[in-house]
Amino acid sequence: MKMSTGCLCIHGYTGSPVEVEPLVNFLEEQTDWELSAPTLPGHGEELDLKGHYYQEWIAAAELALLELKKKHDTIILIGFSMGGMISSYLAAKYKVDRLILLSAALKYISFPQMARDTVGILSDAWRGSLAENQLFIRYQTKVSQTHFLSSLEFMRCVEFTKPYLAQVECPTLIMQGELDGMVPSKAANFLESEIAAPKKEVVFLPQSKHLVCHDLDQEVLFNKVIEFLGDFVKQKT
C-alpha cells in the first residue's frame, strides 16, 4: 500500500487560515501531502463569534483530522496560537506522527511586549504612517468584531486543552516569536516542560511577533519545519 501524508493546520482565536497560509503554500509546493486548513466556527476574515463555544472549535478541528485519518497513514498536526492548544489536545487523543506548535497560546497576553507594540502603533499614528503598521492593520477590525463572552471561550479552550499536554507522545516542534505581543515568549518553555514527548525541540524566532508565518523569520521557520518533518517529505519532482 502506498504511504501517504495528511497535514492539518489549525488557525488561532479570531483568526482564519490566512494566519498559516504562507506555511501551507510552502508545504504544498514542496510536498505531495494533502493539506487541510479549516475555518473554525464563527471565525474567518469576517468574525461571527457570538453564540459559538470552544467545544465547537475543537469539534470542527477534530472532524477535519478524522477525515484525513480516513485517507492517510501518516498524520501531521500544525497549530497556531489557540490552534496550537487544540492541536495538542488532538495529538494526545489520536495517534499522529508529528506535532508543530506555532505561537501556541498556553500563556496568553504578554503585557510588556503588548505595551511596546502599542507604543509602536501610537508612534506610527503620530508620524502619519499608521496605515503601514501591519500589527494594527491585522487587529484593528478584530477587536471591534470580538464578542466579550467569546474571549472567555478562548480562555476556557486553553484551560481545557492544557492538561492534555502531558499525554502528547509524538515528536514535537515548538516555535515562538521572541517579540510576540499576544503570547509571552516564555510560553514555549512551559510547553516544553509540560509536553510528555521524549523528542521535542524549541526554536525561538528573534525577529518575529505573533504572526510567525508572516514575519521576518519566515524562511527560518519554513526551513526548520521541513527539517523537522524530513522523514515524511517526498519533494515534488
C-alpha atoms as a PDB file:
ATOM      1  CA  MET A   1       0.000   0.000   0.000  1.00  0.00           C
ATOM      2  CA  LYS A   2       1.300   3.416  -0.941  1.00  0.00           C
ATOM      3  CA  MET A   3       2.186   5.562   2.069  1.00  0.00           C
ATOM      4  CA  SER A   4       0.557   8.978   2.103  1.00  0.00           C
ATOM      5  CA  THR A   5       0.559  12.009   4.382  1.00  0.00           C
ATOM      6  CA  GLY A   6      -2.189  14.300   5.586  1.00  0.00           C
ATOM      7  CA  CYS A   7      -1.400  17.576   7.328  1.00  0.00           C
ATOM      8  CA  LEU A   8      -3.943  19.526   9.376  1.00  0.00           C
ATOM      9  CA  CYS A   9      -3.212  23.223  10.017  1.00  0.00           C
ATOM     10  CA  ILE A  10      -5.347  24.961  12.648  1.00  0.00           C
ATOM     11  CA  HIS A  11      -5.517  28.750  12.945  1.00  0.00           C
ATOM     12  CA  GLY A  12      -5.860  30.852  16.086  1.00  0.00           C
ATOM     13  CA  TYR A  13      -8.568  32.661  18.018  1.00  0.00           C
ATOM     14  CA  THR A  14     -10.266  35.444  15.987  1.00  0.00           C
ATOM     15  CA  GLY A  15      -8.181  34.264  13.052  1.00  0.00           C
ATOM     16  CA  SER A  16      -8.570  32.373   9.807  1.00  0.00           C
ATOM     17  CA  PRO A  17      -6.487  30.040   7.623  1.00  0.00           C
ATOM     18  CA  VAL A  18      -4.717  33.192   6.385  1.00  0.00           C
ATOM     19  CA  GLU A  19      -2.634  33.047   9.576  1.00  0.00           C
ATOM     20  CA  VAL A  20      -0.983  29.806   8.435  1.00  0.00           C
ATOM     21  CA  GLU A  21      -1.407  30.312   4.684  1.00  0.00           C
ATOM     22  CA  PRO A  22       2.261  31.063   3.883  1.00  0.00           C
ATOM     23  CA  LEU A  23       3.357  27.801   5.516  1.00  0.00           C
ATOM     24  CA  VAL A  24       0.524  25.858   3.873  1.00  0.00           C
ATOM     25  CA  ASN A  25       1.501  27.252   0.468  1.00  0.00           C
ATOM     26  CA  PHE A  26       5.148  26.381   1.087  1.00  0.00           C
ATOM     27  CA  LEU A  27       4.301  22.793   2.043  1.00  0.00           C
ATOM     28  CA  GLU A  28       2.023  22.452  -0.982  1.00  0.00           C
ATOM     29  CA  GLU A  29       4.928  23.488  -3.205  1.00  0.00           C
ATOM     30  CA  GLN A  30       7.442  21.204  -1.516  1.00  0.00           C
ATOM     31  CA  THR A  31       5.449  18.030  -0.852  1.00  0.00           C
ATOM     32  CA  ASP A  32       2.768  15.713  -2.183  1.00  0.00           C
ATOM     33  CA  TRP A  33       0.748  15.868   1.046  1.00  0.00           C
ATOM     34  CA  GLU A  34      -2.935  16.617   1.419  1.00  0.00           C
ATOM     35  CA  LEU A  35      -3.137  19.818   3.435  1.00  0.00           C
ATOM     36  CA  SER A  36      -6.278  20.818   5.311  1.00  0.00           C
ATOM     37  CA  ALA A  37      -6.750  24.264   6.872  1.00  0.00           C
ATOM     38  CA  PRO A  38     -10.371  24.565   8.041  1.00  0.00           C
ATOM     39  CA  THR A  39     -12.020  27.735   9.308  1.00  0.00           C
ATOM     40  CA  LEU A  40     -13.257  27.235  12.862  1.00  0.00           C
ATOM     41  CA  PRO A  41     -16.932  28.131  13.588  1.00  0.00           C
ATOM     42  CA  GLY A  42     -17.511  31.871  13.922  1.00  0.00           C
ATOM     43  CA  HIS A  43     -14.020  32.651  12.650  1.00  0.00           C
ATOM     44  CA  GLY A  44     -12.706  33.897   9.334  1.00  0.00           C
ATOM     45  CA  GLU A  45     -11.851  37.272   7.880  1.00  0.00           C
ATOM     46  CA  GLU A  46     -15.330  38.407   8.978  1.00  0.00           C
ATOM     47  CA  LEU A  47     -15.970  37.289  12.540  1.00  0.00           C
ATOM     48  CA  ASP A  48     -19.281  35.989  13.871  1.00  0.00           C
ATOM     49  CA  LEU A  49     -18.175  34.656  17.243  1.00  0.00           C
ATOM     50  CA  LYS A  50     -21.258  35.453  19.320  1.00  0.00           C
ATOM     51  CA  GLY A  51     -23.045  32.259  20.318  1.00  0.00           C
ATOM     52  CA  HIS A  52     -20.121  29.954  19.473  1.00  0.00           C
ATOM     53  CA  TYR A  53     -18.382  27.852  22.106  1.00  0.00           C
ATOM     54  CA  TYR A  54     -14.896  26.414  22.386  1.00  0.00           C
ATOM     55  CA  GLN A  55     -16.289  22.871  22.116  1.00  0.00           C
ATOM     56  CA  GLU A  56     -17.399  23.730  18.559  1.00  0.00           C
ATOM     57  CA  TRP A  57     -13.910  24.892  17.652  1.00  0.00           C
ATOM     58  CA  ILE A  58     -12.374  21.675  18.927  1.00  0.00           C
ATOM     59  CA  ALA A  59     -15.053  19.543  17.249  1.00  0.00           C
ATOM     60  CA  ALA A  60     -14.501  21.220  13.871  1.00  0.00           C
ATOM     61  CA  ALA A  61     -10.756  20.570  14.066  1.00  0.00           C
ATOM     62  CA  GLU A  62     -11.360  17.002  15.217  1.00  0.00           C
ATOM     63  CA  LEU A  63     -13.685  16.277  12.297  1.00  0.00           C
ATOM     64  CA  ALA A  64     -11.089  17.617   9.859  1.00  0.00           C
ATOM     65  CA  LEU A  65      -8.472  15.355  11.471  1.00  0.00           C
ATOM     66  CA  LEU A  66     -10.718  12.291  11.226  1.00  0.00           C
ATOM     67  CA  GLU A  67     -11.282  12.990   7.528  1.00  0.00           C
ATOM     68  CA  LEU A  68      -7.527  12.996   6.966  1.00  0.00           C
ATOM     69  CA  LYS A  69      -7.070   9.828   9.007  1.00  0.00           C
ATOM     70  CA  LYS A  70      -9.546   8.008   6.734  1.00  0.00           C
ATOM     71  CA  LYS A  71      -7.253   8.608   3.755  1.00  0.00           C
ATOM     72  CA  HIS A  72      -3.698   8.775   5.068  1.00  0.00           C
ATOM     73  CA  ASP A  73      -1.442   6.622   7.217  1.00  0.00           C
ATOM     74  CA  THR A  74       0.831   9.488   8.243  1.00  0.00           C
ATOM     75  CA  ILE A  75      -0.695  12.471  10.044  1.00  0.00           C
ATOM     76  CA  ILE A  76       0.968  15.779  10.886  1.00  0.00           C
ATOM     77  CA  LEU A  77      -0.650  18.449  13.060  1.00  0.00           C
ATOM     78  CA  ILE A  78       0.295  22.131  12.872  1.00  0.00           C
ATOM     79  CA  GLY A  79      -1.383  24.594  15.211  1.00  0.00           C
ATOM     80  CA  PHE A  80      -1.033  28.345  15.505  1.00  0.00           C
ATOM     81  CA  SER A  81      -1.861  30.185  18.769  1.00  0.00           C
ATOM     82  CA  MET A  82      -5.145  28.730  20.102  1.00  0.00           C
ATOM     83  CA  GLY A  83      -4.903  26.250  17.255  1.00  0.00           C
ATOM     84  CA  GLY A  84      -1.702  25.013  18.853  1.00  0.00           C
ATOM     85  CA  MET A  85      -3.548  24.095  22.010  1.00  0.00           C
ATOM     86  CA  ILE A  86      -6.295  22.372  20.024  1.00  0.00           C
ATOM     87  CA  SER A  87      -3.627  20.508  18.045  1.00  0.00           C
ATOM     88  CA  SER A  88      -2.005  19.355  21.283  1.00  0.00           C
ATOM     89  CA  TYR A  89      -5.333  18.014  22.521  1.00  0.00           C
ATOM     90  CA  LEU A  90      -5.842  16.114  19.250  1.00  0.00           C
ATOM     91  CA  ALA A  91      -2.275  14.766  19.333  1.00  0.00           C
ATOM     92  CA  ALA A  92      -2.976  13.407  22.813  1.00  0.00           C
ATOM     93  CA  LYS A  93      -6.284  11.846  21.810  1.00  0.00           C
ATOM     94  CA  TYR A  94      -5.271  10.315  18.469  1.00  0.00           C
ATOM     95  CA  LYS A  95      -2.184   8.664  17.052  1.00  0.00           C
ATOM     96  CA  VAL A  96      -0.359  11.280  14.991  1.00  0.00           C
ATOM     97  CA  ASP A  97       3.214  11.298  13.732  1.00  0.00           C
ATOM     98  CA  ARG A  98       4.388  14.860  14.306  1.00  0.00           C
ATOM     99  CA  LEU A  99       3.124  17.967  16.106  1.00  0.00           C
ATOM    100  CA  ILE A 100       4.225  21.529  15.318  1.00  0.00           C
ATOM    101  CA  LEU A 101       3.185  24.379  17.620  1.00  0.00           C
ATOM    102  CA  LEU A 102       3.473  27.962  16.370  1.00  0.00           C
ATOM    103  CA  SER A 103       2.988  30.734  18.959  1.00  0.00           C
ATOM    104  CA  ALA A 104       0.869  28.272  20.936  1.00  0.00           C
ATOM    105  CA  ALA A 105      -1.344  30.072  23.457  1.00  0.00           C
ATOM    106  CA  LEU A 106      -0.537  28.134  26.630  1.00  0.00           C
ATOM    107  CA  LYS A 107       0.100  31.502  28.286  1.00  0.00           C
ATOM    108  CA  TYR A 108      -1.853  34.383  26.799  1.00  0.00           C
ATOM    109  CA  ILE A 109      -1.136  38.088  26.585  1.00  0.00           C
ATOM    110  CA  SER A 110       2.433  39.266  27.002  1.00  0.00           C
ATOM    111  CA  PHE A 111       1.742  42.642  28.620  1.00  0.00           C
ATOM    112  CA  PRO A 112       5.318  44.031  28.340  1.00  0.00           C
ATOM    113  CA  GLN A 113       5.521  43.275  24.620  1.00  0.00           C
ATOM    114  CA  MET A 114       1.948  44.432  24.058  1.00  0.00           C
ATOM    115  CA  ALA A 115       2.922  47.748  25.661  1.00  0.00           C
ATOM    116  CA  ARG A 116       5.882  48.030  23.271  1.00  0.00           C
ATOM    117  CA  ASP A 117       3.625  47.189  20.320  1.00  0.00           C
ATOM    118  CA  THR A 118       1.136  49.839  21.464  1.00  0.00           C
ATOM    119  CA  VAL A 119       3.923  52.410  21.613  1.00  0.00           C
ATOM    120  CA  GLY A 120       4.861  51.424  18.067  1.00  0.00           C
ATOM    121  CA  ILE A 121       1.278  51.856  16.893  1.00  0.00           C
ATOM    122  CA  LEU A 122       0.980  55.259  18.590  1.00  0.00           C
ATOM    123  CA  SER A 123       4.326  56.320  17.165  1.00  0.00           C
ATOM    124  CA  ASP A 124       3.206  55.377  13.663  1.00  0.00           C
ATOM    125  CA  ALA A 125      -0.051  57.254  14.235  1.00  0.00           C
ATOM    126  CA  TRP A 126       1.899  60.361  15.294  1.00  0.00           C
ATOM    127  CA  ARG A 127       4.059  60.145  12.143  1.00  0.00           C
ATOM    128  CA  GLY A 128       1.002  59.605   9.980  1.00  0.00           C
ATOM    129  CA  SER A 129       2.143  56.132   8.880  1.00  0.00           C
ATOM    130  CA  LEU A 130      -0.364  54.042  10.827  1.00  0.00           C
ATOM    131  CA  ALA A 131      -1.646  52.535   7.586  1.00  0.00           C
ATOM    132  CA  GLU A 132       1.761  50.840   7.219  1.00  0.00           C
ATOM    133  CA  ASN A 133       1.776  49.231  10.683  1.00  0.00           C
ATOM    134  CA  GLN A 134       0.977  45.568   9.929  1.00  0.00           C
ATOM    135  CA  LEU A 135       0.037  44.687  13.515  1.00  0.00           C
ATOM    136  CA  PHE A 136      -2.514  47.490  13.588  1.00  0.00           C
ATOM    137  CA  ILE A 137      -3.901  46.550  10.177  1.00  0.00           C
ATOM    138  CA  ARG A 138      -4.338  42.931  11.218  1.00  0.00           C
ATOM    139  CA  TYR A 139      -6.019  43.505  14.567  1.00  0.00           C
ATOM    140  CA  GLN A 140      -7.907  46.791  14.280  1.00  0.00           C
ATOM    141  CA  THR A 141     -11.064  45.122  12.971  1.00  0.00           C
ATOM    142  CA  LYS A 142     -10.660  42.003  15.105  1.00  0.00           C
ATOM    143  CA  VAL A 143     -11.052  43.978  18.326  1.00  0.00           C
ATOM    144  CA  SER A 144     -14.306  45.578  17.201  1.00  0.00           C
ATOM    145  CA  GLN A 145     -15.706  42.250  15.971  1.00  0.00           C
ATOM    146  CA  THR A 146     -14.815  40.184  19.049  1.00  0.00           C
ATOM    147  CA  HIS A 147     -17.626  39.485  21.481  1.00  0.00           C
ATOM    148  CA  PHE A 148     -16.560  39.633  25.147  1.00  0.00           C
ATOM    149  CA  LEU A 149     -18.033  36.241  26.019  1.00  0.00           C
ATOM    150  CA  SER A 150     -16.095  34.717  23.106  1.00  0.00           C
ATOM    151  CA  SER A 151     -12.854  35.774  24.754  1.00  0.00           C
ATOM    152  CA  LEU A 152     -13.964  33.783  27.799  1.00  0.00           C
ATOM    153  CA  GLU A 153     -14.487  30.809  25.480  1.00  0.00           C
ATOM    154  CA  PHE A 154     -10.927  31.246  24.238  1.00  0.00           C
ATOM    155  CA  MET A 155      -9.619  31.091  27.799  1.00  0.00           C
ATOM    156  CA  ARG A 156     -11.799  28.058  28.513  1.00  0.00           C
ATOM    157  CA  CYS A 157     -10.367  26.380  25.432  1.00  0.00           C
ATOM    158  CA  VAL A 158      -6.831  26.928  26.706  1.00  0.00           C
ATOM    159  CA  GLU A 159      -7.688  25.682  30.183  1.00  0.00           C
ATOM    160  CA  PHE A 160      -9.484  22.608  28.807  1.00  0.00           C
ATOM    161  CA  THR A 161      -6.664  21.578  26.468  1.00  0.00           C
ATOM    162  CA  LYS A 162      -3.753  22.350  28.824  1.00  0.00           C
ATOM    163  CA  PRO A 163      -3.917  19.079  30.857  1.00  0.00           C
ATOM    164  CA  TYR A 164      -3.619  17.028  27.656  1.00  0.00           C
ATOM    165  CA  LEU A 165      -0.087  18.294  27.044  1.00  0.00           C
ATOM    166  CA  ALA A 166       1.120  15.634  29.459  1.00  0.00           C
ATOM    167  CA  GLN A 167      -0.343  12.980  27.137  1.00  0.00           C
ATOM    168  CA  VAL A 168       1.374  14.143  23.933  1.00  0.00           C
ATOM    169  CA  GLU A 169       3.877  11.458  22.947  1.00  0.00           C
ATOM    170  CA  CYS A 170       4.737  12.231  19.319  1.00  0.00           C
ATOM    171  CA  PRO A 171       7.847  14.262  18.361  1.00  0.00           C
ATOM    172  CA  THR A 172       7.004  17.938  18.811  1.00  0.00           C
ATOM    173  CA  LEU A 173       8.470  21.150  17.412  1.00  0.00           C
ATOM    174  CA  ILE A 174       7.697  24.373  19.312  1.00  0.00           C
ATOM    175  CA  MET A 175       8.336  27.669  17.506  1.00  0.00           C
ATOM    176  CA  GLN A 176       7.884  31.029  19.180  1.00  0.00           C
ATOM    177  CA  GLY A 177       8.498  34.653  18.189  1.00  0.00           C
ATOM    178  CA  GLU A 178      10.611  36.485  20.739  1.00  0.00           C
ATOM    179  CA  LEU A 179       8.725  39.731  20.032  1.00  0.00           C
ATOM    180  CA  ASP A 180       5.263  38.190  20.414  1.00  0.00           C
ATOM    181  CA  GLY A 181       2.843  40.675  21.984  1.00  0.00           C
ATOM    182  CA  MET A 182      -0.029  38.192  22.313  1.00  0.00           C
ATOM    183  CA  VAL A 183       1.663  35.141  23.820  1.00  0.00           C
ATOM    184  CA  PRO A 184       4.669  35.555  26.151  1.00  0.00           C
ATOM    185  CA  SER A 185       7.789  34.022  24.626  1.00  0.00           C
ATOM    186  CA  LYS A 186       8.343  32.034  27.826  1.00  0.00           C
ATOM    187  CA  ALA A 187       5.199  30.058  26.927  1.00  0.00           C
ATOM    188  CA  ALA A 188       7.431  27.952  24.681  1.00  0.00           C
ATOM    189  CA  ASN A 189       9.471  26.840  27.681  1.00  0.00           C
ATOM    190  CA  PHE A 190       6.305  25.967  29.606  1.00  0.00           C
ATOM    191  CA  LEU A 191       5.119  23.909  26.642  1.00  0.00           C
ATOM    192  CA  GLU A 192       8.406  22.044  26.508  1.00  0.00           C
ATOM    193  CA  SER A 193       8.197  21.204  30.212  1.00  0.00           C
ATOM    194  CA  GLU A 194       4.531  20.140  30.069  1.00  0.00           C
ATOM    195  CA  ILE A 195       4.613  18.032  26.889  1.00  0.00           C
ATOM    196  CA  ALA A 196       5.448  14.415  27.665  1.00  0.00           C
ATOM    197  CA  ALA A 197       7.002  13.549  24.299  1.00  0.00           C
ATOM    198  CA  PRO A 198      10.594  12.324  24.675  1.00  0.00           C
ATOM    199  CA  LYS A 199      11.570  14.078  21.443  1.00  0.00           C
ATOM    200  CA  LYS A 200      10.793  17.800  21.456  1.00  0.00           C
ATOM    201  CA  GLU A 201      12.537  20.942  20.324  1.00  0.00           C
ATOM    202  CA  VAL A 202      12.058  24.662  20.976  1.00  0.00           C
ATOM    203  CA  VAL A 203      13.061  27.244  18.385  1.00  0.00           C
ATOM    204  CA  PHE A 204      12.859  30.970  19.121  1.00  0.00           C
ATOM    205  CA  LEU A 205      12.448  33.392  16.216  1.00  0.00           C
ATOM    206  CA  PRO A 206      14.247  36.620  17.218  1.00  0.00           C
ATOM    207  CA  GLN A 207      12.631  38.931  14.649  1.00  0.00           C
ATOM    208  CA  SER A 208       9.067  37.634  14.854  1.00  0.00           C
ATOM    209  CA  LYS A 209       5.929  38.760  16.655  1.00  0.00           C
ATOM    210  CA  HIS A 210       2.757  36.699  16.965  1.00  0.00           C
ATOM    211  CA  LEU A 211       2.035  36.025  13.285  1.00  0.00           C
ATOM    212  CA  VAL A 212       5.183  33.977  12.784  1.00  0.00           C
ATOM    213  CA  CYS A 213       4.182  32.616   9.373  1.00  0.00           C
ATOM    214  CA  HIS A 214       4.068  36.191   8.041  1.00  0.00           C
ATOM    215  CA  ASP A 215       7.050  37.705   9.856  1.00  0.00           C
ATOM    216  CA  LEU A 216      10.732  38.358   9.213  1.00  0.00           C
ATOM    217  CA  ASP A 217      11.897  34.879  10.253  1.00  0.00           C
ATOM    218  CA  GLN A 218       9.540  33.238   7.773  1.00  0.00           C
ATOM    219  CA  GLU A 219      12.303  31.498   5.802  1.00  0.00           C
ATOM    220  CA  VAL A 220      13.897  30.193   9.003  1.00  0.00           C
ATOM    221  CA  LEU A 221      10.517  28.829  10.080  1.00  0.00           C
ATOM    222  CA  PHE A 222       9.908  27.121   6.733  1.00  0.00           C
ATOM    223  CA  ASN A 223      13.342  25.506   6.684  1.00  0.00           C
ATOM    224  CA  LYS A 224      13.033  24.293  10.267  1.00  0.00           C
ATOM    225  CA  VAL A 225       9.621  22.761   9.589  1.00  0.00           C
ATOM    226  CA  ILE A 226      10.973  20.870   6.573  1.00  0.00           C
ATOM    227  CA  GLU A 227      13.977  19.703   8.589  1.00  0.00           C
ATOM    228  CA  PHE A 228      11.752  18.513  11.436  1.00  0.00           C
ATOM    229  CA  LEU A 229       9.409  16.683   9.046  1.00  0.00           C
ATOM    230  CA  GLY A 230      12.193  15.375   6.836  1.00  0.00           C
ATOM    231  CA  ASP A 231      11.296  11.695   7.302  1.00  0.00           C
ATOM    232  CA  PHE A 232       7.925  12.323   5.646  1.00  0.00           C
ATOM    233  CA  VAL A 233       8.917  14.824   2.946  1.00  0.00           C
ATOM    234  CA  LYS A 234       8.975  13.410  -0.552  1.00  0.00           C
ATOM    235  CA  GLN A 235       9.515  16.546  -2.539  1.00  0.00           C
ATOM    236  CA  LYS A 236       7.695  17.076  -5.800  1.00  0.00           C
ATOM    237  CA  THR A 237       9.708  16.480  -8.945  1.00  0.00           C
END
